[in-house]
PDB file of N, CA and C in Angstrom:
ATOM      1  N   MET A   1     -47.280 -92.197 -68.844  1.00  0.00           N
ATOM      2  CA  MET A   1     -48.718 -92.192 -68.720  1.00  0.00           C
ATOM      3  C   MET A   1     -49.371 -91.594 -69.959  1.00  0.00           C
ATOM      4  N   GLY A   2     -48.847 -90.459 -70.454  1.00  0.00           N
ATOM      5  CA  GLY A   2     -49.457 -89.845 -71.618  1.00  0.00           C
ATOM      6  C   GLY A   2     -48.947 -88.441 -71.841  1.00  0.00           C
ATOM      7  N   VAL A   3     -49.335 -87.878 -72.970  1.00  0.00           N
ATOM      8  CA  VAL A   3     -48.938 -86.523 -73.324  1.00  0.00           C
ATOM      9  C   VAL A   3     -50.192 -85.722 -73.614  1.00  0.00           C
ATOM     10  N   SER A   4     -50.268 -84.532 -73.046  1.00  0.00           N
ATOM     11  CA  SER A   4     -51.356 -83.604 -73.354  1.00  0.00           C
ATOM     12  C   SER A   4     -50.765 -82.451 -74.141  1.00  0.00           C
ATOM     13  N   VAL A   5     -51.449 -82.050 -75.195  1.00  0.00           N
ATOM     14  CA  VAL A   5     -50.972 -80.977 -76.055  1.00  0.00           C
ATOM     15  C   VAL A   5     -51.880 -79.770 -75.887  1.00  0.00           C
ATOM     16  N   PHE A   6     -51.279 -78.641 -75.589  1.00  0.00           N
ATOM     17  CA  PHE A   6     -52.011 -77.388 -75.447  1.00  0.00           C
ATOM     18  C   PHE A   6     -51.585 -76.472 -76.586  1.00  0.00           C
ATOM     19  N   GLU A   7     -52.512 -76.090 -77.447  1.00  0.00           N
ATOM     20  CA  GLU A   7     -52.249 -75.128 -78.513  1.00  0.00           C
ATOM     21  C   GLU A   7     -53.087 -73.892 -78.252  1.00  0.00           C
ATOM     22  N   TYR A   8     -52.446 -72.717 -78.284  1.00  0.00           N
ATOM     23  CA  TYR A   8     -53.131 -71.466 -77.968  1.00  0.00           C
ATOM     24  C   TYR A   8     -52.312 -70.313 -78.521  1.00  0.00           C
ATOM     25  N   ASN A   9     -52.898 -69.134 -78.562  1.00  0.00           N
ATOM     26  CA  ASN A   9     -52.200 -67.933 -79.004  1.00  0.00           C
ATOM     27  C   ASN A   9     -51.384 -67.408 -77.828  1.00  0.00           C
ATOM     28  N   ALA A  10     -50.059 -67.579 -77.889  1.00  0.00           N
ATOM     29  CA  ALA A  10     -49.178 -67.206 -76.781  1.00  0.00           C
ATOM     30  C   ALA A  10     -49.150 -65.703 -76.521  1.00  0.00           C
ATOM     31  N   GLN A  11     -49.625 -64.918 -77.453  1.00  0.00           N
ATOM     32  CA  GLN A  11     -49.689 -63.474 -77.247  1.00  0.00           C
ATOM     33  C   GLN A  11     -50.769 -63.126 -76.217  1.00  0.00           C
ATOM     34  N   PHE A  12     -51.786 -63.969 -76.093  1.00  0.00           N
ATOM     35  CA  PHE A  12     -52.924 -63.663 -75.224  1.00  0.00           C
ATOM     36  C   PHE A  12     -53.173 -64.691 -74.118  1.00  0.00           C
ATOM     37  N   HIS A  13     -52.471 -65.821 -74.141  1.00  0.00           N
ATOM     38  CA  HIS A  13     -52.742 -66.893 -73.189  1.00  0.00           C
ATOM     39  C   HIS A  13     -51.453 -67.556 -72.727  1.00  0.00           C
ATOM     40  N   ASN A  14     -51.556 -68.368 -71.690  1.00  0.00           N
ATOM     41  CA  ASN A  14     -50.505 -69.265 -71.242  1.00  0.00           C
ATOM     42  C   ASN A  14     -51.196 -70.477 -70.613  1.00  0.00           C
ATOM     43  N   VAL A  15     -50.423 -71.411 -70.135  1.00  0.00           N
ATOM     44  CA  VAL A  15     -50.975 -72.568 -69.428  1.00  0.00           C
ATOM     45  C   VAL A  15     -50.199 -72.717 -68.129  1.00  0.00           C
ATOM     46  N   MET A  16     -50.922 -72.843 -67.032  1.00  0.00           N
ATOM     47  CA  MET A  16     -50.305 -73.094 -65.733  1.00  0.00           C
ATOM     48  C   MET A  16     -50.772 -74.448 -65.220  1.00  0.00           C
ATOM     49  N   ARG A  17     -49.820 -75.236 -64.732  1.00  0.00           N
ATOM     50  CA  ARG A  17     -50.148 -76.499 -64.062  1.00  0.00           C
ATOM     51  C   ARG A  17     -50.223 -76.183 -62.573  1.00  0.00           C
ATOM     52  N   VAL A  18     -51.321 -76.567 -61.939  1.00  0.00           N
ATOM     53  CA  VAL A  18     -51.566 -76.152 -60.558  1.00  0.00           C
ATOM     54  C   VAL A  18     -52.102 -77.306 -59.712  1.00  0.00           C
ATOM     55  N   THR A  19     -52.198 -77.069 -58.411  1.00  0.00           N
ATOM     56  CA  THR A  19     -52.794 -78.042 -57.498  1.00  0.00           C
ATOM     57  C   THR A  19     -54.317 -77.964 -57.592  1.00  0.00           C
ATOM     58  N   HIS A  20     -54.993 -78.943 -57.005  1.00  0.00           N
ATOM     59  CA  HIS A  20     -56.453 -78.947 -57.011  1.00  0.00           C
ATOM     60  C   HIS A  20     -57.009 -77.710 -56.306  1.00  0.00           C
ATOM     61  N   ALA A  21     -56.438 -77.341 -55.165  1.00  0.00           N
ATOM     62  CA  ALA A  21     -56.912 -76.154 -54.436  1.00  0.00           C
ATOM     63  C   ALA A  21     -56.731 -74.886 -55.267  1.00  0.00           C
ATOM     64  N   MET A  22     -55.596 -74.763 -55.941  1.00  0.00           N
ATOM     65  CA  MET A  22     -55.347 -73.593 -56.789  1.00  0.00           C
ATOM     66  C   MET A  22     -56.319 -73.575 -57.962  1.00  0.00           C
ATOM     67  N   TYR A  23     -56.600 -74.753 -58.521  1.00  0.00           N
ATOM     68  CA  TYR A  23     -57.535 -74.883 -59.637  1.00  0.00           C
ATOM     69  C   TYR A  23     -58.922 -74.397 -59.234  1.00  0.00           C
ATOM     70  N   LYS A  24     -59.399 -74.863 -58.081  1.00  0.00           N
ATOM     71  CA  LYS A  24     -60.735 -74.472 -57.623  1.00  0.00           C
ATOM     72  C   LYS A  24     -60.835 -72.970 -57.382  1.00  0.00           C
ATOM     73  N   ALA A  25     -59.751 -72.354 -56.893  1.00  0.00           N
ATOM     74  CA  ALA A  25     -59.761 -70.929 -56.561  1.00  0.00           C
ATOM     75  C   ALA A  25     -59.233 -70.044 -57.690  1.00  0.00           C
ATOM     76  N   CYS A  26     -58.799 -70.639 -58.806  1.00  0.00           N
ATOM     77  CA  CYS A  26     -58.135 -69.884 -59.884  1.00  0.00           C
ATOM     78  C   CYS A  26     -56.983 -69.053 -59.320  1.00  0.00           C
ATOM     79  N   ASN A  27     -56.193 -69.678 -58.454  1.00  0.00           N
ATOM     80  CA  ASN A  27     -55.076 -69.020 -57.783  1.00  0.00           C
ATOM     81  C   ASN A  27     -53.814 -69.174 -58.624  1.00  0.00           C
ATOM     82  N   THR A  28     -53.285 -68.071 -59.135  1.00  0.00           N
ATOM     83  CA  THR A  28     -52.114 -68.088 -60.008  1.00  0.00           C
ATOM     84  C   THR A  28     -50.813 -67.769 -59.277  1.00  0.00           C
ATOM     85  N   SER A  29     -50.828 -67.683 -57.951  1.00  0.00           N
ATOM     86  CA  SER A  29     -49.674 -67.168 -57.208  1.00  0.00           C
ATOM     87  C   SER A  29     -48.439 -68.066 -57.230  1.00  0.00           C
ATOM     88  N   ALA A  30     -48.592 -69.376 -57.280  1.00  0.00           N
ATOM     89  CA  ALA A  30     -47.431 -70.272 -57.227  1.00  0.00           C
ATOM     90  C   ALA A  30     -47.696 -71.543 -58.030  1.00  0.00           C
ATOM     91  N   PRO A  31     -47.783 -71.435 -59.366  1.00  0.00           N
ATOM     92  CA  PRO A  31     -48.065 -72.626 -60.179  1.00  0.00           C
ATOM     93  C   PRO A  31     -46.941 -73.653 -60.073  1.00  0.00           C
ATOM     94  N   LEU A  32     -47.281 -74.911 -60.294  1.00  0.00           N
ATOM     95  CA  LEU A  32     -46.281 -75.970 -60.329  1.00  0.00           C
ATOM     96  C   LEU A  32     -45.389 -75.809 -61.554  1.00  0.00           C
ATOM     97  N   ALA A  33     -45.964 -75.312 -62.642  1.00  0.00           N
ATOM     98  CA  ALA A  33     -45.229 -75.044 -63.883  1.00  0.00           C
ATOM     99  C   ALA A  33     -46.037 -74.056 -64.712  1.00  0.00           C
ATOM    100  N   THR A  34     -45.328 -73.281 -65.535  1.00  0.00           N
ATOM    101  CA  THR A  34     -45.982 -72.342 -66.450  1.00  0.00           C
ATOM    102  C   THR A  34     -45.433 -72.585 -67.850  1.00  0.00           C
ATOM    103  N   TYR A  35     -46.330 -72.643 -68.824  1.00  0.00           N
ATOM    104  CA  TYR A  35     -45.970 -72.894 -70.217  1.00  0.00           C
ATOM    105  C   TYR A  35     -46.410 -71.694 -71.043  1.00  0.00           C
ATOM    106  N   THR A  36     -45.556 -71.249 -71.963  1.00  0.00           N
ATOM    107  CA  THR A  36     -45.840 -70.002 -72.673  1.00  0.00           C
ATOM    108  C   THR A  36     -45.564 -70.044 -74.170  1.00  0.00           C
ATOM    109  N   THR A  37     -45.288 -71.207 -74.747  1.00  0.00           N
ATOM    110  CA  THR A  37     -44.899 -71.244 -76.157  1.00  0.00           C
ATOM    111  C   THR A  37     -46.068 -71.160 -77.127  1.00  0.00           C
ATOM    112  N   GLY A  38     -47.255 -71.555 -76.689  1.00  0.00           N
ATOM    113  CA  GLY A  38     -48.404 -71.616 -77.586  1.00  0.00           C
ATOM    114  C   GLY A  38     -48.590 -72.984 -78.209  1.00  0.00           C
ATOM    115  N   ASN A  39     -47.612 -73.866 -78.016  1.00  0.00           N
ATOM    116  CA  ASN A  39     -47.688 -75.241 -78.525  1.00  0.00           C
ATOM    117  C   ASN A  39     -46.916 -76.130 -77.559  1.00  0.00           C
ATOM    118  N   ASP A  40     -47.531 -76.428 -76.433  1.00  0.00           N
ATOM    119  CA  ASP A  40     -46.845 -77.120 -75.351  1.00  0.00           C
ATOM    120  C   ASP A  40     -47.280 -78.576 -75.259  1.00  0.00           C
ATOM    121  N   SER A  41     -46.311 -79.479 -75.264  1.00  0.00           N
ATOM    122  CA  SER A  41     -46.559 -80.901 -75.028  1.00  0.00           C
ATOM    123  C   SER A  41     -46.142 -81.185 -73.596  1.00  0.00           C
ATOM    124  N   ILE A  42     -47.089 -81.612 -72.786  1.00  0.00           N
ATOM    125  CA  ILE A  42     -46.830 -81.838 -71.370  1.00  0.00           C
ATOM    126  C   ILE A  42     -46.977 -83.325 -71.092  1.00  0.00           C
ATOM    127  N   THR A  43     -45.903 -83.943 -70.635  1.00  0.00           N
ATOM    128  CA  THR A  43     -45.913 -85.368 -70.333  1.00  0.00           C
ATOM    129  C   THR A  43     -46.477 -85.585 -68.937  1.00  0.00           C
ATOM    130  N   ILE A  44     -47.488 -86.422 -68.853  1.00  0.00           N
ATOM    131  CA  ILE A  44     -48.095 -86.789 -67.578  1.00  0.00           C
ATOM    132  C   ILE A  44     -47.465 -88.111 -67.158  1.00  0.00           C
ATOM    133  N   LYS A  45     -46.731 -88.102 -66.048  1.00  0.00           N
ATOM    134  CA  LYS A  45     -45.979 -89.284 -65.624  1.00  0.00           C
ATOM    135  C   LYS A  45     -46.638 -90.049 -64.486  1.00  0.00           C
ATOM    136  N   THR A  46     -47.671 -89.477 -63.882  1.00  0.00           N
ATOM    137  CA  THR A  46     -48.299 -90.139 -62.738  1.00  0.00           C
ATOM    138  C   THR A  46     -49.796 -90.281 -62.961  1.00  0.00           C
ATOM    139  N   ARG A  47     -50.378 -91.289 -62.336  1.00  0.00           N
ATOM    140  CA  ARG A  47     -51.829 -91.466 -62.365  1.00  0.00           C
ATOM    141  C   ARG A  47     -52.461 -90.432 -61.454  1.00  0.00           C
ATOM    142  N   GLY A  48     -53.716 -90.138 -61.683  1.00  0.00           N
ATOM    143  CA  GLY A  48     -54.431 -89.186 -60.847  1.00  0.00           C
ATOM    144  C   GLY A  48     -54.858 -87.978 -61.655  1.00  0.00           C
ATOM    145  N   HIS A  49     -55.573 -87.092 -61.015  1.00  0.00           N
ATOM    146  CA  HIS A  49     -56.050 -85.887 -61.684  1.00  0.00           C
ATOM    147  C   HIS A  49     -54.914 -84.879 -61.821  1.00  0.00           C
ATOM    148  N   HIS A  50     -54.939 -84.137 -62.915  1.00  0.00           N
ATOM    149  CA  HIS A  50     -53.953 -83.088 -63.174  1.00  0.00           C
ATOM    150  C   HIS A  50     -54.729 -81.841 -63.569  1.00  0.00           C
ATOM    151  N   PHE A  51     -54.282 -80.683 -63.085  1.00  0.00           N
ATOM    152  CA  PHE A  51     -55.062 -79.455 -63.198  1.00  0.00           C
ATOM    153  C   PHE A  51     -54.276 -78.375 -63.933  1.00  0.00           C
ATOM    154  N   PHE A  52     -54.958 -77.713 -64.888  1.00  0.00           N
ATOM    155  CA  PHE A  52     -54.346 -76.672 -65.707  1.00  0.00           C
ATOM    156  C   PHE A  52     -55.333 -75.534 -65.896  1.00  0.00           C
ATOM    157  N   PHE A  53     -54.805 -74.313 -66.052  1.00  0.00           N
ATOM    158  CA  PHE A  53     -55.647 -73.188 -66.460  1.00  0.00           C
ATOM    159  C   PHE A  53     -54.801 -72.114 -67.105  1.00  0.00           C
ATOM    160  N   CYS A  54     -55.488 -71.164 -67.739  1.00  0.00           N
ATOM    161  CA  CYS A  54     -54.820 -69.997 -68.306  1.00  0.00           C
ATOM    162  C   CYS A  54     -54.569 -69.029 -67.156  1.00  0.00           C
ATOM    163  N   GLY A  55     -53.318 -68.556 -67.027  1.00  0.00           N
ATOM    164  CA  GLY A  55     -52.950 -67.672 -65.930  1.00  0.00           C
ATOM    165  C   GLY A  55     -53.139 -66.201 -66.209  1.00  0.00           C
ATOM    166  N   VAL A  56     -53.637 -65.841 -67.383  1.00  0.00           N
ATOM    167  CA  VAL A  56     -53.904 -64.433 -67.687  1.00  0.00           C
ATOM    168  C   VAL A  56     -55.074 -63.983 -66.810  1.00  0.00           C
ATOM    169  N   PRO A  57     -54.959 -62.816 -66.156  1.00  0.00           N
ATOM    170  CA  PRO A  57     -56.022 -62.366 -65.249  1.00  0.00           C
ATOM    171  C   PRO A  57     -57.417 -62.444 -65.878  1.00  0.00           C
ATOM    172  N   GLY A  58     -58.318 -63.096 -65.153  1.00  0.00           N
ATOM    173  CA  GLY A  58     -59.709 -63.221 -65.568  1.00  0.00           C
ATOM    174  C   GLY A  58     -60.015 -64.422 -66.438  1.00  0.00           C
ATOM    175  N   HIS A  59     -59.019 -65.030 -67.056  1.00  0.00           N
ATOM    176  CA  HIS A  59     -59.274 -66.132 -67.984  1.00  0.00           C
ATOM    177  C   HIS A  59     -59.735 -67.400 -67.272  1.00  0.00           C
ATOM    178  N   CYS A  60     -59.095 -67.760 -66.172  1.00  0.00           N
ATOM    179  CA  CYS A  60     -59.530 -68.944 -65.421  1.00  0.00           C
ATOM    180  C   CYS A  60     -60.958 -68.745 -64.921  1.00  0.00           C
ATOM    181  N   GLN A  61     -61.227 -67.574 -64.380  1.00  0.00           N
ATOM    182  CA  GLN A  61     -62.566 -67.279 -63.871  1.00  0.00           C
ATOM    183  C   GLN A  61     -63.612 -67.347 -64.983  1.00  0.00           C
ATOM    184  N   ALA A  62     -63.192 -67.082 -66.223  1.00  0.00           N
ATOM    185  CA  ALA A  62     -64.096 -67.147 -67.373  1.00  0.00           C
ATOM    186  C   ALA A  62     -64.237 -68.578 -67.904  1.00  0.00           C
ATOM    187  N   GLY A  63     -63.542 -69.531 -67.279  1.00  0.00           N
ATOM    188  CA  GLY A  63     -63.707 -70.931 -67.662  1.00  0.00           C
ATOM    189  C   GLY A  63     -62.573 -71.542 -68.451  1.00  0.00           C
ATOM    190  N   GLN A  64     -61.473 -70.825 -68.660  1.00  0.00           N
ATOM    191  CA  GLN A  64     -60.353 -71.386 -69.408  1.00  0.00           C
ATOM    192  C   GLN A  64     -59.498 -72.220 -68.461  1.00  0.00           C
ATOM    193  N   LYS A  65     -60.021 -73.399 -68.124  1.00  0.00           N
ATOM    194  CA  LYS A  65     -59.347 -74.310 -67.218  1.00  0.00           C
ATOM    195  C   LYS A  65     -59.685 -75.735 -67.615  1.00  0.00           C
ATOM    196  N   SER A  66     -58.805 -76.659 -67.244  1.00  0.00           N
ATOM    197  CA  SER A  66     -58.988 -78.047 -67.638  1.00  0.00           C
ATOM    198  C   SER A  66     -58.496 -78.968 -66.533  1.00  0.00           C
ATOM    199  N   ARG A  67     -59.331 -79.937 -66.179  1.00  0.00           N
ATOM    200  CA  ARG A  67     -58.955 -80.973 -65.215  1.00  0.00           C
ATOM    201  C   ARG A  67     -58.850 -82.267 -65.992  1.00  0.00           C
ATOM    202  N   LEU A  68     -57.654 -82.828 -66.042  1.00  0.00           N
ATOM    203  CA  LEU A  68     -57.455 -84.078 -66.752  1.00  0.00           C
ATOM    204  C   LEU A  68     -57.763 -85.220 -65.802  1.00  0.00           C
ATOM    205  N   PRO A  69     -58.560 -86.192 -66.246  1.00  0.00           N
ATOM    206  CA  PRO A  69     -59.001 -87.276 -65.360  1.00  0.00           C
ATOM    207  C   PRO A  69     -57.899 -88.275 -65.057  1.00  0.00           C
ATOM    208  N   LYS A  70     -58.182 -89.124 -64.074  1.00  0.00           N
ATOM    209  CA  LYS A  70     -57.287 -90.239 -63.786  1.00  0.00           C
ATOM    210  C   LYS A  70     -57.172 -91.095 -65.030  1.00  0.00           C
ATOM    211  N   TYR A  71     -56.019 -91.690 -65.221  1.00  0.00           N
ATOM    212  CA  TYR A  71     -55.828 -92.570 -66.360  1.00  0.00           C
ATOM    213  C   TYR A  71     -56.373 -93.945 -66.031  1.00  0.00           C
ATOM    214  N   PRO A  72     -57.317 -94.463 -66.830  1.00  0.00           N
ATOM    215  CA  PRO A  72     -57.894 -95.772 -66.556  1.00  0.00           C
ATOM    216  C   PRO A  72     -56.970 -96.922 -66.913  1.00  0.00           C
ATOM    217  N   GLY A  73     -55.989 -96.669 -67.750  1.00  0.00           N
ATOM    218  CA  GLY A  73     -55.078 -97.714 -68.180  1.00  0.00           C
ATOM    219  C   GLY A  73     -53.901 -97.088 -68.879  1.00  0.00           C
ATOM    220  N   PRO A  74     -53.079 -97.887 -69.513  1.00  0.00           N
ATOM    221  CA  PRO A  74     -51.910 -97.349 -70.198  1.00  0.00           C
ATOM    222  C   PRO A  74     -52.318 -96.370 -71.298  1.00  0.00           C
ATOM    223  N   ALA A  75     -51.582 -95.298 -71.387  1.00  0.00           N
ATOM    224  CA  ALA A  75     -51.821 -94.308 -72.435  1.00  0.00           C
ATOM    225  C   ALA A  75     -51.056 -94.713 -73.690  1.00  0.00           C
ATOM    226  N   PRO A  76     -51.509 -94.283 -74.859  1.00  0.00           N
ATOM    227  CA  PRO A  76     -50.771 -94.558 -76.087  1.00  0.00           C
ATOM    228  C   PRO A  76     -49.373 -93.953 -76.011  1.00  0.00           C
ATOM    229  N   SER A  77     -48.419 -94.573 -76.700  1.00  0.00           N
ATOM    230  CA  SER A  77     -47.045 -94.090 -76.631  1.00  0.00           C
ATOM    231  C   SER A  77     -46.797 -92.869 -77.500  1.00  0.00           C
ATOM    232  N   ASN A  78     -47.687 -92.580 -78.444  1.00  0.00           N
ATOM    233  CA  ASN A  78     -47.479 -91.404 -79.287  1.00  0.00           C
ATOM    234  C   ASN A  78     -48.728 -90.535 -79.272  1.00  0.00           C
ATOM    235  N   ALA A  79     -48.511 -89.234 -79.224  1.00  0.00           N
ATOM    236  CA  ALA A  79     -49.620 -88.276 -79.211  1.00  0.00           C
ATOM    237  C   ALA A  79     -49.500 -87.377 -80.430  1.00  0.00           C
ATOM    238  N   VAL A  80     -50.611 -87.140 -81.089  1.00  0.00           N
ATOM    239  CA  VAL A  80     -50.626 -86.286 -82.270  1.00  0.00           C
ATOM    240  C   VAL A  80     -51.318 -84.981 -81.908  1.00  0.00           C
ATOM    241  N   PRO A  81     -50.644 -83.825 -82.070  1.00  0.00           N
ATOM    242  CA  PRO A  81     -51.305 -82.552 -81.773  1.00  0.00           C
ATOM    243  C   PRO A  81     -52.481 -82.322 -82.716  1.00  0.00           C
ATOM    244  N   LEU A  82     -53.540 -81.758 -82.188  1.00  0.00           N
ATOM    245  CA  LEU A  82     -54.721 -81.444 -82.973  1.00  0.00           C
ATOM    246  C   LEU A  82     -54.864 -79.941 -83.094  1.00  0.00           C
ATOM    247  N   LYS A  83     -55.413 -79.478 -84.188  1.00  0.00           N
ATOM    248  CA  LYS A  83     -55.681 -78.053 -84.361  1.00  0.00           C
ATOM    249  C   LYS A  83     -56.967 -77.704 -83.640  1.00  0.00           C
ATOM    250  N   SER A  84     -56.966 -76.607 -82.924  1.00  0.00           N
ATOM    251  CA  SER A  84     -58.129 -76.194 -82.153  1.00  0.00           C
ATOM    252  C   SER A  84     -59.134 -75.447 -83.014  1.00  0.00           C
ATOM    253  N   PRO A  85     -60.415 -75.857 -82.987  1.00  0.00           N
ATOM    254  CA  PRO A  85     -61.440 -75.108 -83.699  1.00  0.00           C
ATOM    255  C   PRO A  85     -61.846 -73.856 -82.932  1.00  0.00           C
ATOM    256  N   PHE A  86     -61.261 -73.656 -81.750  1.00  0.00           N
ATOM    257  CA  PHE A  86     -61.639 -72.542 -80.902  1.00  0.00           C
ATOM    258  C   PHE A  86     -60.691 -71.355 -81.025  1.00  0.00           C
ATOM    259  N   GLY A  87     -59.778 -71.364 -81.988  1.00  0.00           N
ATOM    260  CA  GLY A  87     -58.871 -70.237 -82.163  1.00  0.00           C
ATOM    261  C   GLY A  87     -57.952 -70.075 -80.971  1.00  0.00           C
ATOM    262  N   SER A  88     -58.017 -68.927 -80.324  1.00  0.00           N
ATOM    263  CA  SER A  88     -57.081 -68.629 -79.251  1.00  0.00           C
ATOM    264  C   SER A  88     -57.483 -69.217 -77.912  1.00  0.00           C
ATOM    265  N   ILE A  89     -58.580 -69.921 -77.823  1.00  0.00           N
ATOM    266  CA  ILE A  89     -58.985 -70.518 -76.551  1.00  0.00           C
ATOM    267  C   ILE A  89     -58.338 -71.889 -76.455  1.00  0.00           C
ATOM    268  N   GLY A  90     -57.092 -71.901 -76.019  1.00  0.00           N
ATOM    269  CA  GLY A  90     -56.285 -73.107 -76.033  1.00  0.00           C
ATOM    270  C   GLY A  90     -56.681 -74.171 -75.044  1.00  0.00           C
ATOM    271  N   LEU A  91     -57.244 -73.820 -73.925  1.00  0.00           N
ATOM    272  CA  LEU A  91     -57.565 -74.841 -72.941  1.00  0.00           C
ATOM    273  C   LEU A  91     -58.703 -75.736 -73.402  1.00  0.00           C
ATOM    274  N   ALA A  92     -59.559 -75.248 -74.250  1.00  0.00           N
ATOM    275  CA  ALA A  92     -60.602 -76.102 -74.814  1.00  0.00           C
ATOM    276  C   ALA A  92     -59.945 -77.211 -75.628  1.00  0.00           C
ATOM    277  N   MET A  93     -58.847 -76.884 -76.300  1.00  0.00           N
ATOM    278  CA  MET A  93     -58.098 -77.866 -77.071  1.00  0.00           C
ATOM    279  C   MET A  93     -57.539 -78.951 -76.158  1.00  0.00           C
ATOM    280  N   ALA A  94     -57.083 -78.572 -74.982  1.00  0.00           N
ATOM    281  CA  ALA A  94     -56.484 -79.535 -74.070  1.00  0.00           C
ATOM    282  C   ALA A  94     -57.482 -80.605 -73.661  1.00  0.00           C
ATOM    283  N   VAL A  95     -58.690 -80.210 -73.406  1.00  0.00           N
ATOM    284  CA  VAL A  95     -59.716 -81.171 -73.012  1.00  0.00           C
ATOM    285  C   VAL A  95     -59.960 -82.155 -74.142  1.00  0.00           C
ATOM    286  N   LEU A  96     -60.119 -81.662 -75.351  1.00  0.00           N
ATOM    287  CA  LEU A  96     -60.357 -82.518 -76.501  1.00  0.00           C
ATOM    288  C   LEU A  96     -59.178 -83.456 -76.729  1.00  0.00           C
ATOM    289  N   ALA A  97     -57.964 -82.924 -76.711  1.00  0.00           N
ATOM    290  CA  ALA A  97     -56.783 -83.746 -76.955  1.00  0.00           C
ATOM    291  C   ALA A  97     -56.639 -84.824 -75.893  1.00  0.00           C
ATOM    292  N   THR A  98     -56.902 -84.481 -74.655  1.00  0.00           N
ATOM    293  CA  THR A  98     -56.769 -85.448 -73.570  1.00  0.00           C
ATOM    294  C   THR A  98     -57.727 -86.608 -73.752  1.00  0.00           C
ATOM    295  N   PHE A  99     -58.977 -86.324 -74.065  1.00  0.00           N
ATOM    296  CA  PHE A  99     -59.934 -87.398 -74.253  1.00  0.00           C
ATOM    297  C   PHE A  99     -59.577 -88.246 -75.467  1.00  0.00           C
ATOM    298  N   LEU A 100     -59.131 -87.630 -76.553  1.00  0.00           N
ATOM    299  CA  LEU A 100     -58.771 -88.390 -77.744  1.00  0.00           C
ATOM    300  C   LEU A 100     -57.538 -89.245 -77.503  1.00  0.00           C
ATOM    301  N   ILE A 101     -56.566 -88.713 -76.774  1.00  0.00           N
ATOM    302  CA  ILE A 101     -55.323 -89.440 -76.532  1.00  0.00           C
ATOM    303  C   ILE A 101     -55.537 -90.568 -75.535  1.00  0.00           C
ATOM    304  N   ASN A 102     -56.250 -90.296 -74.473  1.00  0.00           N
ATOM    305  CA  ASN A 102     -56.337 -91.253 -73.380  1.00  0.00           C
ATOM    306  C   ASN A 102     -57.481 -92.243 -73.490  1.00  0.00           C
ATOM    307  N   PHE A 103     -58.472 -91.958 -74.286  1.00  0.00           N
ATOM    308  CA  PHE A 103     -59.617 -92.850 -74.367  1.00  0.00           C
ATOM    309  C   PHE A 103     -59.810 -93.423 -75.761  1.00  0.00           C
ATOM    310  N   ALA A 104     -58.825 -93.245 -76.614  1.00  0.00           N
ATOM    311  CA  ALA A 104     -58.930 -93.756 -77.983  1.00  0.00           C
ATOM    312  C   ALA A 104     -58.715 -95.253 -78.006  1.00  0.00           C
TER     313      ALA A 104
END
C-alpha cells in the first residue's frame, strides 16, 4: 500500500501505532507497535485509516499525532524520506510525507 517515514529526535520523541480509540484518547497503554530510532519507515499493508502519535507523556495531548487517510488507489512503490522543517517535532513530518507519497 505504501510507506510512511517518521523522522524525529529519538532523544525526546517516539512513534506509537495505535487503534482509533487509543488515538482519540491519547492512550499509550498498549500500542500496536512502538518505534524509537528517529528515522522509521513504516510499511502500510492494508487500506483504511492508520493512527500514530508520540508516546512521550503530554506530547499526544499537545497535538503530536497523525491519522493517515484511506488510500484512494495504489501507492508508489518507492518512498523518499524528507527532512522535517519542524526539527524535533517528527509527527508533523509524517503528515507531510504521507500526503506527498500517497497523493503525488
